[in-house]
């Protein structure tokens, strides 16, 4: 049986999660994208809690494109600065670092987050 695209992404995601974990001082920036929206959240894995979250649905973007992905990253960085977070560990969720994922990361960097 052939491995589907989603199964491949989940396998890559498990490998990333074995290596990357977030703390309260340096949380994990987790990214998820669907066909309708892109979501990003800062997670403290030690306590198992979400510190800050942002999404394209929250911004009112009708479609997910490079521009809206970048805005989600900037909004997340703005919220993180309000919570006193300046440095994060990036978890791309098994997606290739290309396109919308890259735009979100660049937006977060422009907003002031350090990876």
N, C-alpha and C. Protein backbone atom coordinates (compact mmCIF):
# COMPACT_ATOMS: atom_id res chain seq x y z
N UNK A 1 0.83 -1.18 0.00
CA UNK A 1 0.00 0.00 0.00
C UNK A 1 0.88 1.24 0.00
N UNK A 2 0.57 2.17 -0.84
CA UNK A 2 1.36 3.39 -0.98
C UNK A 2 1.07 4.36 0.18
N UNK A 3 2.06 5.09 0.56
CA UNK A 3 1.92 6.09 1.61
C UNK A 3 1.32 7.36 1.00
N UNK A 4 0.27 7.86 1.64
CA UNK A 4 -0.36 9.08 1.14
C UNK A 4 0.45 10.30 1.55
N UNK A 5 0.11 11.41 0.97
CA UNK A 5 0.79 12.67 1.28
C UNK A 5 0.64 13.04 2.76
N UNK A 6 -0.57 12.84 3.28
CA UNK A 6 -0.81 13.17 4.69
C UNK A 6 -0.05 12.23 5.62
N UNK A 7 0.01 10.94 5.31
CA UNK A 7 0.78 10.00 6.13
C UNK A 7 2.26 10.37 6.14
N UNK A 8 2.77 10.80 5.00
CA UNK A 8 4.18 11.22 4.91
C UNK A 8 4.42 12.45 5.78
N UNK A 9 3.50 13.43 5.72
CA UNK A 9 3.63 14.64 6.52
C UNK A 9 3.59 14.32 8.02
N UNK A 10 2.70 13.41 8.42
CA UNK A 10 2.61 13.04 9.83
C UNK A 10 3.85 12.30 10.31
N UNK A 11 4.46 11.50 9.44
CA UNK A 11 5.70 10.80 9.79
C UNK A 11 6.82 11.82 10.01
N UNK A 12 6.92 12.80 9.12
CA UNK A 12 7.92 13.86 9.27
C UNK A 12 7.65 14.66 10.54
N UNK A 13 6.37 14.93 10.81
CA UNK A 13 5.98 15.70 11.99
C UNK A 13 6.41 15.00 13.28
N UNK A 14 6.24 13.68 13.34
CA UNK A 14 6.67 12.92 14.53
C UNK A 14 8.16 13.05 14.74
N UNK A 15 8.93 13.01 13.66
CA UNK A 15 10.38 13.16 13.77
C UNK A 15 10.78 14.53 14.29
N UNK A 16 10.08 15.56 13.82
CA UNK A 16 10.36 16.92 14.28
C UNK A 16 10.01 17.06 15.76
N UNK A 17 8.87 16.50 16.17
CA UNK A 17 8.42 16.63 17.56
C UNK A 17 9.34 15.88 18.53
N UNK A 18 10.03 14.83 18.06
CA UNK A 18 10.98 14.13 18.91
C UNK A 18 12.20 15.00 19.22
N UNK A 19 12.48 15.96 18.34
CA UNK A 19 13.66 16.81 18.50
C UNK A 19 13.35 18.18 19.07
N UNK A 20 12.13 18.68 18.88
CA UNK A 20 11.78 20.05 19.23
C UNK A 20 10.75 20.05 20.35
N UNK A 21 11.03 20.82 21.40
CA UNK A 21 10.02 21.03 22.45
C UNK A 21 10.17 22.43 22.99
N UNK A 22 9.09 22.98 23.49
CA UNK A 22 9.09 24.35 23.96
C UNK A 22 9.04 24.45 25.47
N UNK A 23 9.55 25.54 25.99
CA UNK A 23 9.50 25.83 27.41
C UNK A 23 8.78 27.15 27.60
N UNK A 24 8.60 27.56 28.85
CA UNK A 24 7.92 28.83 29.11
C UNK A 24 8.77 30.00 28.61
N UNK A 25 10.12 29.89 28.71
CA UNK A 25 11.01 30.96 28.26
C UNK A 25 11.14 30.97 26.74
N UNK A 26 11.18 29.78 26.14
CA UNK A 26 11.33 29.67 24.68
C UNK A 26 10.29 28.66 24.16
N UNK A 27 9.06 29.11 23.92
CA UNK A 27 8.00 28.19 23.49
C UNK A 27 8.17 27.73 22.05
N UNK A 28 7.39 26.71 21.72
CA UNK A 28 7.40 26.14 20.37
C UNK A 28 6.34 26.84 19.53
N UNK A 29 6.75 27.35 18.36
CA UNK A 29 5.82 27.97 17.42
C UNK A 29 5.33 26.87 16.49
N UNK A 30 4.12 26.40 16.73
CA UNK A 30 3.54 25.31 15.95
C UNK A 30 2.64 25.87 14.86
N UNK A 31 2.76 25.31 13.64
CA UNK A 31 1.99 25.78 12.49
C UNK A 31 1.10 24.65 11.96
N UNK A 32 -0.15 24.99 11.64
CA UNK A 32 -1.06 24.06 10.98
C UNK A 32 -1.78 24.81 9.88
N UNK A 33 -1.88 24.19 8.72
CA UNK A 33 -2.64 24.83 7.65
C UNK A 33 -3.69 23.87 7.13
N UNK A 34 -4.86 24.44 6.86
CA UNK A 34 -5.95 23.69 6.25
C UNK A 34 -6.23 24.33 4.90
N UNK A 35 -7.26 23.86 4.23
CA UNK A 35 -7.62 24.45 2.94
C UNK A 35 -8.22 25.84 3.10
N UNK A 36 -8.77 26.14 4.30
CA UNK A 36 -9.45 27.41 4.50
C UNK A 36 -8.69 28.41 5.36
N UNK A 37 -7.76 27.95 6.17
CA UNK A 37 -7.08 28.86 7.10
C UNK A 37 -5.68 28.34 7.44
N UNK A 38 -4.89 29.22 8.05
CA UNK A 38 -3.58 28.84 8.57
C UNK A 38 -3.55 29.27 10.03
N UNK A 39 -3.04 28.40 10.89
CA UNK A 39 -3.06 28.62 12.33
C UNK A 39 -1.64 28.55 12.86
N UNK A 40 -1.34 29.38 13.86
CA UNK A 40 -0.04 29.35 14.52
C UNK A 40 -0.27 29.56 16.01
N UNK A 41 0.48 28.84 16.82
CA UNK A 41 0.36 29.01 18.26
C UNK A 41 1.70 28.80 18.94
N UNK A 42 1.88 29.46 20.06
CA UNK A 42 3.09 29.29 20.88
C UNK A 42 2.71 28.37 22.03
N UNK A 43 3.45 27.27 22.16
CA UNK A 43 3.10 26.22 23.11
C UNK A 43 4.22 26.00 24.10
N UNK A 44 3.86 25.91 25.37
CA UNK A 44 4.78 25.52 26.43
C UNK A 44 4.57 24.03 26.67
N UNK A 45 5.49 23.20 26.15
CA UNK A 45 5.33 21.75 26.25
C UNK A 45 5.55 21.23 27.67
N UNK A 46 6.31 21.95 28.48
CA UNK A 46 6.56 21.52 29.85
C UNK A 46 5.26 21.51 30.65
N UNK A 47 4.40 22.52 30.45
CA UNK A 47 3.12 22.59 31.15
C UNK A 47 1.96 22.11 30.29
N UNK A 48 2.20 21.90 29.00
CA UNK A 48 1.14 21.46 28.10
C UNK A 48 0.08 22.53 27.88
N UNK A 49 0.52 23.79 27.71
CA UNK A 49 -0.45 24.87 27.54
C UNK A 49 -0.09 25.76 26.35
N UNK A 50 -1.11 26.33 25.75
CA UNK A 50 -0.93 27.29 24.67
C UNK A 50 -0.83 28.67 25.28
N UNK A 51 0.24 29.39 24.94
CA UNK A 51 0.47 30.72 25.50
C UNK A 51 -0.18 31.81 24.64
N UNK A 52 0.00 31.71 23.31
CA UNK A 52 -0.51 32.71 22.38
C UNK A 52 -0.93 31.98 21.10
N UNK A 53 -2.01 32.44 20.47
CA UNK A 53 -2.45 31.82 19.21
C UNK A 53 -2.95 32.89 18.25
N UNK A 54 -2.84 32.59 16.96
CA UNK A 54 -3.32 33.48 15.91
C UNK A 54 -3.69 32.65 14.70
N UNK A 55 -4.64 33.15 13.91
CA UNK A 55 -5.04 32.43 12.70
C UNK A 55 -5.54 33.41 11.66
N UNK A 56 -5.60 32.93 10.42
CA UNK A 56 -6.12 33.77 9.34
C UNK A 56 -7.62 33.95 9.49
N UNK A 57 -8.31 33.00 10.10
CA UNK A 57 -9.75 33.14 10.33
C UNK A 57 -10.01 34.27 11.32
N UNK A 58 -9.14 34.40 12.31
CA UNK A 58 -9.25 35.47 13.31
C UNK A 58 -9.05 36.84 12.68
N UNK A 59 -8.20 36.91 11.66
CA UNK A 59 -7.93 38.17 10.97
C UNK A 59 -9.00 38.53 9.95
N UNK A 60 -9.86 37.56 9.64
CA UNK A 60 -10.94 37.81 8.69
C UNK A 60 -10.51 37.66 7.24
N UNK A 61 -9.39 36.97 7.01
CA UNK A 61 -8.92 36.75 5.64
C UNK A 61 -9.83 35.71 4.98
N UNK A 62 -10.35 36.02 3.82
CA UNK A 62 -11.24 35.10 3.11
C UNK A 62 -10.51 33.88 2.59
N UNK A 63 -9.34 34.10 2.01
CA UNK A 63 -8.56 33.00 1.48
C UNK A 63 -7.17 33.03 2.11
N UNK A 64 -6.53 31.88 2.13
CA UNK A 64 -5.18 31.80 2.68
C UNK A 64 -4.21 31.94 1.52
N UNK A 65 -3.39 32.98 1.58
CA UNK A 65 -2.35 33.18 0.59
C UNK A 65 -1.10 33.67 1.30
N UNK A 66 -0.10 34.03 0.55
CA UNK A 66 1.17 34.45 1.13
C UNK A 66 0.99 35.69 2.01
N UNK A 67 0.18 36.63 1.56
CA UNK A 67 -0.02 37.87 2.30
C UNK A 67 -0.70 37.62 3.64
N UNK A 68 -1.77 36.82 3.62
CA UNK A 68 -2.48 36.56 4.88
C UNK A 68 -1.62 35.72 5.82
N UNK A 69 -0.79 34.82 5.28
CA UNK A 69 0.10 34.03 6.12
C UNK A 69 1.12 34.93 6.82
N UNK A 70 1.64 35.89 6.10
CA UNK A 70 2.61 36.83 6.68
C UNK A 70 1.95 37.67 7.77
N UNK A 71 0.70 38.07 7.55
CA UNK A 71 -0.04 38.85 8.55
C UNK A 71 -0.29 38.04 9.81
N UNK A 72 -0.55 36.75 9.67
CA UNK A 72 -0.74 35.88 10.83
C UNK A 72 0.55 35.83 11.65
N UNK A 73 1.69 35.72 10.98
CA UNK A 73 2.98 35.72 11.67
C UNK A 73 3.23 37.02 12.41
N UNK A 74 2.92 38.14 11.78
CA UNK A 74 3.11 39.45 12.43
C UNK A 74 2.19 39.59 13.64
N UNK A 75 0.93 39.16 13.50
CA UNK A 75 -0.03 39.26 14.59
C UNK A 75 0.40 38.38 15.77
N UNK A 76 0.92 37.19 15.46
CA UNK A 76 1.40 36.29 16.52
C UNK A 76 2.58 36.93 17.25
N UNK A 77 3.50 37.53 16.51
CA UNK A 77 4.66 38.18 17.12
C UNK A 77 4.23 39.35 18.00
N UNK A 78 3.22 40.08 17.56
CA UNK A 78 2.70 41.20 18.34
C UNK A 78 2.10 40.72 19.65
N UNK A 79 1.31 39.64 19.61
CA UNK A 79 0.73 39.07 20.81
C UNK A 79 1.81 38.51 21.73
N UNK A 80 2.83 37.88 21.14
CA UNK A 80 3.93 37.31 21.93
C UNK A 80 4.70 38.40 22.66
N UNK A 81 4.93 39.52 21.99
CA UNK A 81 5.63 40.64 22.62
C UNK A 81 4.83 41.17 23.80
N UNK A 82 3.52 41.18 23.68
CA UNK A 82 2.65 41.59 24.78
C UNK A 82 2.72 40.64 25.96
N UNK A 83 3.04 39.37 25.69
CA UNK A 83 3.17 38.37 26.75
C UNK A 83 4.60 38.24 27.26
N UNK A 84 5.52 39.03 26.68
CA UNK A 84 6.91 38.99 27.13
C UNK A 84 7.73 37.87 26.51
N UNK A 85 7.33 37.38 25.35
CA UNK A 85 8.05 36.30 24.67
C UNK A 85 8.81 36.90 23.49
N UNK A 86 10.11 36.63 23.41
CA UNK A 86 10.90 37.19 22.31
C UNK A 86 11.61 36.12 21.49
N UNK A 87 11.77 34.91 22.04
CA UNK A 87 12.49 33.85 21.35
C UNK A 87 11.65 32.58 21.31
N UNK A 88 11.63 31.90 20.16
CA UNK A 88 10.82 30.69 20.00
C UNK A 88 11.60 29.61 19.27
N UNK A 89 11.06 28.40 19.30
CA UNK A 89 11.57 27.27 18.52
C UNK A 89 10.52 27.01 17.44
N UNK A 90 10.92 26.92 16.18
CA UNK A 90 9.97 26.79 15.08
C UNK A 90 9.66 25.32 14.79
N UNK A 91 8.37 24.99 14.78
CA UNK A 91 7.88 23.65 14.44
C UNK A 91 7.00 23.79 13.22
N UNK A 92 7.52 23.37 12.06
CA UNK A 92 6.79 23.56 10.81
C UNK A 92 5.69 22.53 10.60
N UNK A 93 5.52 21.59 11.52
CA UNK A 93 4.42 20.65 11.48
C UNK A 93 4.50 19.63 10.35
N UNK A 94 5.68 19.37 9.83
CA UNK A 94 5.83 18.40 8.76
C UNK A 94 5.66 18.99 7.37
N UNK A 95 5.28 20.26 7.29
CA UNK A 95 5.14 20.91 5.99
C UNK A 95 6.51 21.36 5.49
N UNK A 96 6.73 21.38 4.19
CA UNK A 96 8.00 21.92 3.67
C UNK A 96 8.14 23.40 4.01
N UNK A 97 9.35 23.83 4.29
CA UNK A 97 9.59 25.25 4.59
C UNK A 97 9.61 26.01 3.27
N UNK A 98 8.40 26.30 2.79
CA UNK A 98 8.23 26.89 1.47
C UNK A 98 6.85 27.52 1.41
N UNK A 99 6.70 28.56 0.65
CA UNK A 99 5.37 29.15 0.43
C UNK A 99 4.77 29.78 1.66
N UNK A 100 3.57 29.31 2.05
CA UNK A 100 2.81 29.91 3.15
C UNK A 100 3.50 29.74 4.49
N UNK A 101 4.15 28.60 4.70
CA UNK A 101 4.86 28.35 5.96
C UNK A 101 6.03 29.31 6.08
N UNK A 102 6.77 29.48 5.01
CA UNK A 102 7.90 30.41 5.00
C UNK A 102 7.43 31.85 5.20
N UNK A 103 6.31 32.22 4.58
CA UNK A 103 5.76 33.56 4.73
C UNK A 103 5.35 33.83 6.18
N UNK A 104 4.74 32.84 6.83
CA UNK A 104 4.36 32.99 8.23
C UNK A 104 5.60 33.19 9.10
N UNK A 105 6.65 32.40 8.86
CA UNK A 105 7.89 32.51 9.64
C UNK A 105 8.54 33.88 9.42
N UNK A 106 8.57 34.36 8.18
CA UNK A 106 9.15 35.67 7.90
C UNK A 106 8.35 36.79 8.55
N UNK A 107 7.03 36.66 8.56
CA UNK A 107 6.18 37.64 9.23
C UNK A 107 6.44 37.68 10.73
N UNK A 108 6.64 36.51 11.33
CA UNK A 108 6.93 36.44 12.76
C UNK A 108 8.29 37.08 13.05
N UNK A 109 9.26 36.84 12.16
CA UNK A 109 10.58 37.46 12.35
C UNK A 109 10.51 38.98 12.21
N UNK A 110 9.73 39.45 11.23
CA UNK A 110 9.55 40.90 11.06
C UNK A 110 8.87 41.51 12.27
N UNK A 111 8.00 40.74 12.92
CA UNK A 111 7.30 41.22 14.11
C UNK A 111 8.19 41.24 15.35
N UNK A 112 9.37 40.62 15.28
CA UNK A 112 10.30 40.69 16.41
C UNK A 112 10.63 39.38 17.08
N UNK A 113 10.06 38.27 16.62
CA UNK A 113 10.41 36.98 17.23
C UNK A 113 11.76 36.49 16.70
N UNK A 114 12.52 35.86 17.58
CA UNK A 114 13.81 35.28 17.20
C UNK A 114 13.68 33.78 17.20
N UNK A 115 14.14 33.15 16.11
CA UNK A 115 14.08 31.69 16.00
C UNK A 115 15.43 31.11 16.34
